[in-house]
Amino acid sequence: MIGRLLGPIECVLGIYNLLVIAHLVITLLRVPSNKWTEMLRSIVEPALKLVRPLLDRFFPQEGRRGFDWSPVALVVIIWVIQLLL
């Protein structure tokens, strides 16, 4: 029973991970805003808002040199969750 639930959960986590990576790439390449980038941002940004306070607690803003590490941290968190499932 639990195995039947883990497959779809892992699939959703994998897709979300790809969306976070796409958001990171789009941000790094400074792609102009359009409906697709806004849609991607609206999907990924709520999770990033949860991760940013954790990063601020462990790594003060001045130690990050202006780069937003929250997508990288979120990818790692998702990978860890997938490993635990």
Protein backbone atom coordinates (compact mmCIF):
# COMPACT_ATOMS: atom_id res chain seq x y z
CA MET A 1 0.00 0.00 0.00
CA ILE A 2 2.72 2.48 0.96
CA GLY A 3 4.76 1.48 -2.08
CA ARG A 4 1.91 2.53 -4.34
CA LEU A 5 2.02 6.03 -2.83
CA LEU A 6 5.79 6.43 -2.95
CA GLY A 7 6.02 6.12 -6.73
CA PRO A 8 3.82 9.14 -7.50
CA ILE A 9 5.39 11.15 -4.67
CA GLU A 10 8.88 10.49 -6.04
CA CYS A 11 7.66 11.44 -9.51
CA VAL A 12 6.21 14.73 -8.29
CA LEU A 13 9.41 15.51 -6.35
CA GLY A 14 11.50 14.75 -9.44
CA ILE A 15 9.40 17.04 -11.62
CA TYR A 16 9.50 19.80 -9.02
CA ASN A 17 13.27 19.40 -8.80
CA LEU A 18 13.52 19.93 -12.57
CA LEU A 19 11.35 23.04 -12.28
CA VAL A 20 13.64 24.44 -9.57
CA ILE A 21 16.70 23.77 -11.75
CA ALA A 22 14.97 25.43 -14.73
CA HIS A 23 14.18 28.44 -12.54
CA LEU A 24 17.81 28.63 -11.46
CA VAL A 25 19.07 28.50 -15.06
CA ILE A 26 16.56 31.12 -16.22
CA THR A 27 17.60 33.37 -13.36
CA LEU A 28 21.31 32.94 -14.08
CA LEU A 29 20.83 33.61 -17.80
CA ARG A 30 18.64 36.62 -17.03
CA VAL A 31 15.90 35.54 -19.42
CA PRO A 32 13.40 38.37 -19.92
CA SER A 33 10.12 37.96 -18.11
CA ASN A 34 7.31 36.36 -20.09
CA LYS A 35 4.27 34.24 -19.29
CA TRP A 36 6.34 31.04 -19.05
CA THR A 37 8.98 32.45 -16.74
CA GLU A 38 6.26 34.02 -14.57
CA MET A 39 4.42 30.70 -14.40
CA LEU A 40 7.63 28.92 -13.42
CA ARG A 41 8.36 31.58 -10.81
CA SER A 42 4.85 31.27 -9.35
CA ILE A 43 5.35 27.50 -8.98
CA VAL A 44 8.85 27.57 -7.48
CA GLU A 45 8.90 30.79 -5.45
CA PRO A 46 6.67 29.60 -2.55
CA ALA A 47 9.14 26.80 -1.73
CA LEU A 48 12.10 29.15 -2.10
CA LYS A 49 10.50 31.54 0.38
CA LEU A 50 10.49 28.72 2.93
CA VAL A 51 14.18 27.92 2.34
CA ARG A 52 15.55 31.49 2.45
CA PRO A 53 15.04 32.03 6.21
CA LEU A 54 16.91 28.77 6.90
CA LEU A 55 19.81 29.95 4.77
CA ASP A 56 19.82 33.33 6.51
CA ARG A 57 20.03 31.57 9.86
CA PHE A 58 23.01 29.38 8.94
CA PHE A 59 24.71 31.59 6.35
CA PRO A 60 24.40 35.32 6.90
CA GLN A 61 23.63 37.44 3.84
CA GLU A 62 27.13 38.92 3.64
CA GLY A 63 28.64 35.43 3.45
CA ARG A 64 26.68 34.54 0.31
CA ARG A 65 28.16 37.35 -1.84
CA GLY A 66 24.89 38.40 -3.47
CA PHE A 67 24.05 35.02 -4.99
CA ASP A 68 20.69 33.46 -4.13
CA TRP A 69 21.58 29.97 -2.93
CA SER A 70 17.98 29.02 -2.10
CA PRO A 71 17.37 27.08 -5.37
CA VAL A 72 20.53 25.05 -4.81
CA ALA A 73 19.52 24.35 -1.21
CA LEU A 74 16.01 23.36 -2.32
CA VAL A 75 17.39 20.92 -4.89
CA VAL A 76 19.55 19.32 -2.19
CA ILE A 77 16.58 19.14 0.20
CA ILE A 78 14.44 17.45 -2.46
CA TRP A 79 17.22 14.98 -3.25
CA VAL A 80 17.54 14.09 0.43
CA ILE A 81 13.78 13.56 0.70
CA GLN A 82 13.89 11.31 -2.37
CA LEU A 83 16.74 9.30 -0.84
CA LEU A 84 14.77 8.85 2.37
CA LEU A 85 11.71 7.59 0.52
